[in-house]
Amino acid sequence: MLAIRLEKELEQELDLFAKAKGSNRSAVVREAIVRYLEDNEDLELARQALAETGDRKSLKELRKDLGLDS
């Protein structure tokens, strides 16, 4: 169980968002936390991959290498 304090305005926005999604406050906050953690994990993996390869390419070079541009 987790208890957090929110400013009244943020709490109202959260309630409106949850209502619009046909959900509830807890489900919306839970989903937001999961997405935040996943995004940070992805970012860390990308940083590790970059550090391991040390190689950078422009988008144009990458598209050419992947055969996406003629």
PDB file of N, CA and C in Angstrom:
ATOM      1  N   MET A   1       0.847  -1.179   0.000  1.00  0.00           N
ATOM      2  CA  MET A   1       0.000   0.000   0.000  1.00  0.00           C
ATOM      3  C   MET A   1       0.885   1.232   0.000  1.00  0.00           C
ATOM      4  N   LEU A   2       0.459   2.232  -0.728  1.00  0.00           N
ATOM      5  CA  LEU A   2       1.209   3.467  -0.853  1.00  0.00           C
ATOM      6  C   LEU A   2       0.246   4.631  -0.666  1.00  0.00           C
ATOM      7  N   ALA A   3       0.646   5.565   0.136  1.00  0.00           N
ATOM      8  CA  ALA A   3      -0.170   6.771   0.324  1.00  0.00           C
ATOM      9  C   ALA A   3       0.654   7.964  -0.136  1.00  0.00           C
ATOM     10  N   ILE A   4       0.045   8.814  -0.952  1.00  0.00           N
ATOM     11  CA  ILE A   4       0.732  10.025  -1.414  1.00  0.00           C
ATOM     12  C   ILE A   4      -0.178  11.225  -1.204  1.00  0.00           C
ATOM     13  N   ARG A   5       0.450  12.366  -1.085  1.00  0.00           N
ATOM     14  CA  ARG A   5      -0.300  13.611  -0.945  1.00  0.00           C
ATOM     15  C   ARG A   5      -0.203  14.375  -2.260  1.00  0.00           C
ATOM     16  N   LEU A   6      -1.328  14.856  -2.714  1.00  0.00           N
ATOM     17  CA  LEU A   6      -1.378  15.630  -3.947  1.00  0.00           C
ATOM     18  C   LEU A   6      -2.016  16.977  -3.665  1.00  0.00           C
ATOM     19  N   GLU A   7      -1.581  17.976  -4.440  1.00  0.00           N
ATOM     20  CA  GLU A   7      -2.229  19.266  -4.354  1.00  0.00           C
ATOM     21  C   GLU A   7      -3.673  19.087  -4.819  1.00  0.00           C
ATOM     22  N   LYS A   8      -4.554  19.884  -4.304  1.00  0.00           N
ATOM     23  CA  LYS A   8      -5.979  19.781  -4.615  1.00  0.00           C
ATOM     24  C   LYS A   8      -6.229  19.845  -6.122  1.00  0.00           C
ATOM     25  N   GLU A   9      -5.550  20.759  -6.818  1.00  0.00           N
ATOM     26  CA  GLU A   9      -5.735  20.910  -8.260  1.00  0.00           C
ATOM     27  C   GLU A   9      -5.309  19.648  -9.013  1.00  0.00           C
ATOM     28  N   LEU A  10      -4.187  19.060  -8.625  1.00  0.00           N
ATOM     29  CA  LEU A  10      -3.709  17.837  -9.265  1.00  0.00           C
ATOM     30  C   LEU A  10      -4.666  16.681  -8.996  1.00  0.00           C
ATOM     31  N   GLU A  11      -5.167  16.617  -7.803  1.00  0.00           N
ATOM     32  CA  GLU A  11      -6.134  15.579  -7.440  1.00  0.00           C
ATOM     33  C   GLU A  11      -7.406  15.714  -8.286  1.00  0.00           C
ATOM     34  N   GLN A  12      -7.858  16.939  -8.507  1.00  0.00           N
ATOM     35  CA  GLN A  12      -9.050  17.162  -9.326  1.00  0.00           C
ATOM     36  C   GLN A  12      -8.794  16.759 -10.777  1.00  0.00           C
ATOM     37  N   GLU A  13      -7.614  17.101 -11.306  1.00  0.00           N
ATOM     38  CA  GLU A  13      -7.260  16.706 -12.667  1.00  0.00           C
ATOM     39  C   GLU A  13      -7.214  15.187 -12.791  1.00  0.00           C
ATOM     40  N   LEU A  14      -6.644  14.542 -11.792  1.00  0.00           N
ATOM     41  CA  LEU A  14      -6.566  13.090 -11.777  1.00  0.00           C
ATOM     42  C   LEU A  14      -7.960  12.472 -11.786  1.00  0.00           C
ATOM     43  N   ASP A  15      -8.852  13.005 -10.991  1.00  0.00           N
ATOM     44  CA  ASP A  15     -10.227  12.500 -10.946  1.00  0.00           C
ATOM     45  C   ASP A  15     -10.931  12.683 -12.288  1.00  0.00           C
ATOM     46  N   LEU A  16     -10.750  13.837 -12.906  1.00  0.00           N
ATOM     47  CA  LEU A  16     -11.369  14.089 -14.211  1.00  0.00           C
ATOM     48  C   LEU A  16     -10.826  13.142 -15.270  1.00  0.00           C
ATOM     49  N   PHE A  17      -9.527  12.927 -15.247  1.00  0.00           N
ATOM     50  CA  PHE A  17      -8.893  12.029 -16.206  1.00  0.00           C
ATOM     51  C   PHE A  17      -9.390  10.601 -16.014  1.00  0.00           C
ATOM     52  N   ALA A  18      -9.428  10.159 -14.772  1.00  0.00           N
ATOM     53  CA  ALA A  18      -9.895   8.801 -14.475  1.00  0.00           C
ATOM     54  C   ALA A  18     -11.340   8.629 -14.924  1.00  0.00           C
ATOM     55  N   LYS A  19     -12.171   9.615 -14.669  1.00  0.00           N
ATOM     56  CA  LYS A  19     -13.575   9.540 -15.059  1.00  0.00           C
ATOM     57  C   LYS A  19     -13.703   9.462 -16.571  1.00  0.00           C
ATOM     58  N   ALA A  20     -12.910  10.262 -17.284  1.00  0.00           N
ATOM     59  CA  ALA A  20     -12.950  10.268 -18.745  1.00  0.00           C
ATOM     60  C   ALA A  20     -12.518   8.921 -19.324  1.00  0.00           C
ATOM     61  N   LYS A  21     -11.621   8.243 -18.625  1.00  0.00           N
ATOM     62  CA  LYS A  21     -11.146   6.933 -19.082  1.00  0.00           C
ATOM     63  C   LYS A  21     -12.022   5.794 -18.583  1.00  0.00           C
ATOM     64  N   GLY A  22     -13.037   6.124 -17.787  1.00  0.00           N
ATOM     65  CA  GLY A  22     -13.888   5.088 -17.222  1.00  0.00           C
ATOM     66  C   GLY A  22     -13.148   4.242 -16.213  1.00  0.00           C
ATOM     67  N   SER A  23     -12.245   4.887 -15.506  1.00  0.00           N
ATOM     68  CA  SER A  23     -11.392   4.188 -14.558  1.00  0.00           C
ATOM     69  C   SER A  23     -11.509   4.843 -13.188  1.00  0.00           C
ATOM     70  N   ASN A  24     -10.540   4.556 -12.334  1.00  0.00           N
ATOM     71  CA  ASN A  24     -10.520   5.200 -11.027  1.00  0.00           C
ATOM     72  C   ASN A  24      -9.129   5.741 -10.744  1.00  0.00           C
ATOM     73  N   ARG A  25      -9.025   6.518  -9.731  1.00  0.00           N
ATOM     74  CA  ARG A  25      -7.785   7.192  -9.362  1.00  0.00           C
ATOM     75  C   ARG A  25      -6.619   6.214  -9.197  1.00  0.00           C
ATOM     76  N   SER A  26      -6.838   5.139  -8.472  1.00  0.00           N
ATOM     77  CA  SER A  26      -5.772   4.174  -8.206  1.00  0.00           C
ATOM     78  C   SER A  26      -5.252   3.533  -9.485  1.00  0.00           C
ATOM     79  N   ALA A  27      -6.148   3.156 -10.377  1.00  0.00           N
ATOM     80  CA  ALA A  27      -5.737   2.511 -11.624  1.00  0.00           C
ATOM     81  C   ALA A  27      -4.919   3.460 -12.492  1.00  0.00           C
ATOM     82  N   VAL A  28      -5.333   4.723 -12.546  1.00  0.00           N
ATOM     83  CA  VAL A  28      -4.603   5.715 -13.348  1.00  0.00           C
ATOM     84  C   VAL A  28      -3.201   5.935 -12.777  1.00  0.00           C
ATOM     85  N   VAL A  29      -3.094   6.075 -11.477  1.00  0.00           N
ATOM     86  CA  VAL A  29      -1.789   6.293 -10.848  1.00  0.00           C
ATOM     87  C   VAL A  29      -0.911   5.057 -11.027  1.00  0.00           C
ATOM     88  N   ARG A  30      -1.485   3.869 -10.861  1.00  0.00           N
ATOM     89  CA  ARG A  30      -0.732   2.628 -11.036  1.00  0.00           C
ATOM     90  C   ARG A  30      -0.161   2.548 -12.453  1.00  0.00           C
ATOM     91  N   GLU A  31      -1.003   2.832 -13.467  1.00  0.00           N
ATOM     92  CA  GLU A  31      -0.551   2.789 -14.858  1.00  0.00           C
ATOM     93  C   GLU A  31       0.546   3.819 -15.113  1.00  0.00           C
ATOM     94  N   ALA A  32       0.407   4.986 -14.549  1.00  0.00           N
ATOM     95  CA  ALA A  32       1.418   6.037 -14.730  1.00  0.00           C
ATOM     96  C   ALA A  32       2.757   5.615 -14.132  1.00  0.00           C
ATOM     97  N   ILE A  33       2.733   4.988 -12.979  1.00  0.00           N
ATOM     98  CA  ILE A  33       3.973   4.540 -12.336  1.00  0.00           C
ATOM     99  C   ILE A  33       4.627   3.440 -13.155  1.00  0.00           C
ATOM    100  N   VAL A  34       3.836   2.499 -13.644  1.00  0.00           N
ATOM    101  CA  VAL A  34       4.383   1.412 -14.467  1.00  0.00           C
ATOM    102  C   VAL A  34       5.032   1.976 -15.718  1.00  0.00           C
ATOM    103  N   ARG A  35       4.348   2.898 -16.386  1.00  0.00           N
ATOM    104  CA  ARG A  35       4.919   3.498 -17.599  1.00  0.00           C
ATOM    105  C   ARG A  35       6.205   4.265 -17.292  1.00  0.00           C
ATOM    106  N   TYR A  36       6.214   4.985 -16.198  1.00  0.00           N
ATOM    107  CA  TYR A  36       7.400   5.749 -15.802  1.00  0.00           C
ATOM    108  C   TYR A  36       8.585   4.813 -15.586  1.00  0.00           C
ATOM    109  N   LEU A  37       8.358   3.728 -14.864  1.00  0.00           N
ATOM    110  CA  LEU A  37       9.431   2.772 -14.593  1.00  0.00           C
ATOM    111  C   LEU A  37       9.911   2.095 -15.875  1.00  0.00           C
ATOM    112  N   GLU A  38       8.997   1.733 -16.753  1.00  0.00           N
ATOM    113  CA  GLU A  38       9.373   1.118 -18.024  1.00  0.00           C
ATOM    114  C   GLU A  38      10.162   2.083 -18.889  1.00  0.00           C
ATOM    115  N   ASP A  39       9.731   3.339 -18.950  1.00  0.00           N
ATOM    116  CA  ASP A  39      10.441   4.348 -19.737  1.00  0.00           C
ATOM    117  C   ASP A  39      11.859   4.542 -19.223  1.00  0.00           C
ATOM    118  N   ASN A  40      12.014   4.579 -17.913  1.00  0.00           N
ATOM    119  CA  ASN A  40      13.349   4.758 -17.349  1.00  0.00           C
ATOM    120  C   ASN A  40      14.229   3.541 -17.583  1.00  0.00           C
ATOM    121  N   GLU A  41      13.640   2.354 -17.554  1.00  0.00           N
ATOM    122  CA  GLU A  41      14.404   1.139 -17.862  1.00  0.00           C
ATOM    123  C   GLU A  41      14.860   1.164 -19.323  1.00  0.00           C
ATOM    124  N   ASP A  42      13.960   1.555 -20.225  1.00  0.00           N
ATOM    125  CA  ASP A  42      14.317   1.656 -21.642  1.00  0.00           C
ATOM    126  C   ASP A  42      15.431   2.671 -21.855  1.00  0.00           C
ATOM    127  N   LEU A  43      15.347   3.797 -21.179  1.00  0.00           N
ATOM    128  CA  LEU A  43      16.367   4.829 -21.309  1.00  0.00           C
ATOM    129  C   LEU A  43      17.721   4.314 -20.829  1.00  0.00           C
ATOM    130  N   GLU A  44      17.726   3.604 -19.717  1.00  0.00           N
ATOM    131  CA  GLU A  44      18.980   3.058 -19.195  1.00  0.00           C
ATOM    132  C   GLU A  44      19.562   2.019 -20.155  1.00  0.00           C
ATOM    133  N   LEU A  45      18.722   1.172 -20.726  1.00  0.00           N
ATOM    134  CA  LEU A  45      19.198   0.181 -21.696  1.00  0.00           C
ATOM    135  C   LEU A  45      19.783   0.858 -22.928  1.00  0.00           C
ATOM    136  N   ALA A  46      19.152   1.932 -23.382  1.00  0.00           N
ATOM    137  CA  ALA A  46      19.665   2.679 -24.532  1.00  0.00           C
ATOM    138  C   ALA A  46      21.012   3.307 -24.205  1.00  0.00           C
ATOM    139  N   ARG A  47      21.149   3.839 -23.013  1.00  0.00           N
ATOM    140  CA  ARG A  47      22.437   4.433 -22.604  1.00  0.00           C
ATOM    141  C   ARG A  47      23.529   3.373 -22.547  1.00  0.00           C
ATOM    142  N   GLN A  48      23.187   2.207 -22.026  1.00  0.00           N
ATOM    143  CA  GLN A  48      24.160   1.118 -21.956  1.00  0.00           C
ATOM    144  C   GLN A  48      24.581   0.670 -23.356  1.00  0.00           C
ATOM    145  N   ALA A  49      23.616   0.541 -24.263  1.00  0.00           N
ATOM    146  CA  ALA A  49      23.920   0.132 -25.631  1.00  0.00           C
ATOM    147  C   ALA A  49      24.815   1.153 -26.311  1.00  0.00           C
ATOM    148  N   LEU A  50      24.534   2.413 -26.100  1.00  0.00           N
ATOM    149  CA  LEU A  50      25.357   3.463 -26.693  1.00  0.00           C
ATOM    150  C   LEU A  50      26.764   3.425 -26.129  1.00  0.00           C
ATOM    151  N   ALA A  51      26.884   3.216 -24.837  1.00  0.00           N
ATOM    152  CA  ALA A  51      28.205   3.151 -24.206  1.00  0.00           C
ATOM    153  C   ALA A  51      28.992   1.954 -24.715  1.00  0.00           C
ATOM    154  N   GLU A  52      28.311   0.847 -24.943  1.00  0.00           N
ATOM    155  CA  GLU A  52      28.992  -0.356 -25.425  1.00  0.00           C
ATOM    156  C   GLU A  52      29.447  -0.219 -26.864  1.00  0.00           C
ATOM    157  N   THR A  53      28.632   0.408 -27.700  1.00  0.00           N
ATOM    158  CA  THR A  53      28.995   0.526 -29.108  1.00  0.00           C
ATOM    159  C   THR A  53      29.845   1.754 -29.366  1.00  0.00           C
ATOM    160  N   GLY A  54      29.526   2.831 -28.697  1.00  0.00           N
ATOM    161  CA  GLY A  54      30.270   4.071 -28.891  1.00  0.00           C
ATOM    162  C   GLY A  54      30.120   4.630 -30.291  1.00  0.00           C
ATOM    163  N   ASP A  55      29.281   4.012 -31.104  1.00  0.00           N
ATOM    164  CA  ASP A  55      29.109   4.409 -32.491  1.00  0.00           C
ATOM    165  C   ASP A  55      27.789   5.148 -32.650  1.00  0.00           C
ATOM    166  N   ARG A  56      27.843   6.248 -33.344  1.00  0.00           N
ATOM    167  CA  ARG A  56      26.633   7.021 -33.590  1.00  0.00           C
ATOM    168  C   ARG A  56      26.484   7.236 -35.078  1.00  0.00           C
ATOM    169  N   LYS A  57      25.226   7.185 -35.525  1.00  0.00           N
ATOM    170  CA  LYS A  57      24.930   7.427 -36.926  1.00  0.00           C
ATOM    171  C   LYS A  57      23.788   8.428 -36.995  1.00  0.00           C
ATOM    172  N   SER A  58      23.795   9.175 -38.080  1.00  0.00           N
ATOM    173  CA  SER A  58      22.675  10.077 -38.300  1.00  0.00           C
ATOM    174  C   SER A  58      21.474   9.243 -38.742  1.00  0.00           C
ATOM    175  N   LEU A  59      20.306   9.829 -38.659  1.00  0.00           N
ATOM    176  CA  LEU A  59      19.107   9.135 -39.097  1.00  0.00           C
ATOM    177  C   LEU A  59      19.213   8.776 -40.574  1.00  0.00           C
ATOM    178  N   LYS A  60      19.779   9.669 -41.362  1.00  0.00           N
ATOM    179  CA  LYS A  60      19.946   9.419 -42.800  1.00  0.00           C
ATOM    180  C   LYS A  60      20.832   8.197 -43.036  1.00  0.00           C
ATOM    181  N   GLU A  61      21.950   8.112 -42.297  1.00  0.00           N
ATOM    182  CA  GLU A  61      22.842   6.953 -42.422  1.00  0.00           C
ATOM    183  C   GLU A  61      22.167   5.661 -41.998  1.00  0.00           C
ATOM    184  N   LEU A  62      21.430   5.730 -40.914  1.00  0.00           N
ATOM    185  CA  LEU A  62      20.745   4.558 -40.395  1.00  0.00           C
ATOM    186  C   LEU A  62      19.684   4.061 -41.380  1.00  0.00           C
ATOM    187  N   ARG A  63      18.909   4.976 -41.954  1.00  0.00           N
ATOM    188  CA  ARG A  63      17.890   4.582 -42.923  1.00  0.00           C
ATOM    189  C   ARG A  63      18.539   3.932 -44.142  1.00  0.00           C
ATOM    190  N   LYS A  64      19.677   4.461 -44.570  1.00  0.00           N
ATOM    191  CA  LYS A  64      20.391   3.880 -45.712  1.00  0.00           C
ATOM    192  C   LYS A  64      20.886   2.480 -45.366  1.00  0.00           C
ATOM    193  N   ASP A  65      21.483   2.318 -44.201  1.00  0.00           N
ATOM    194  CA  ASP A  65      21.996   1.010 -43.776  1.00  0.00           C
ATOM    195  C   ASP A  65      20.882  -0.036 -43.682  1.00  0.00           C
ATOM    196  N   LEU A  66      19.697   0.388 -43.284  1.00  0.00           N
ATOM    197  CA  LEU A  66      18.573  -0.534 -43.138  1.00  0.00           C
ATOM    198  C   LEU A  66      17.802  -0.734 -44.441  1.00  0.00           C
ATOM    199  N   GLY A  67      18.237  -0.049 -45.500  1.00  0.00           N
ATOM    200  CA  GLY A  67      17.593  -0.197 -46.796  1.00  0.00           C
ATOM    201  C   GLY A  67      16.246   0.481 -46.873  1.00  0.00           C
ATOM    202  N   LEU A  68      16.041   1.493 -46.052  1.00  0.00           N
ATOM    203  CA  LEU A  68      14.755   2.184 -46.049  1.00  0.00           C
ATOM    204  C   LEU A  68      14.704   3.313 -47.060  1.00  0.00           C
ATOM    205  N   ASP A  69      15.862   3.771 -47.500  1.00  0.00           N
ATOM    206  CA  ASP A  69      15.923   4.821 -48.516  1.00  0.00           C
ATOM    207  C   ASP A  69      16.542   4.251 -49.775  1.00  0.00           C
ATOM    208  N   SER A  70      16.015   4.666 -50.904  1.00  0.00           N
ATOM    209  CA  SER A  70      16.531   4.164 -52.192  1.00  0.00           C
ATOM    210  C   SER A  70      17.781   4.909 -52.584  1.00  0.00           C
TER     211      SER A  70
END
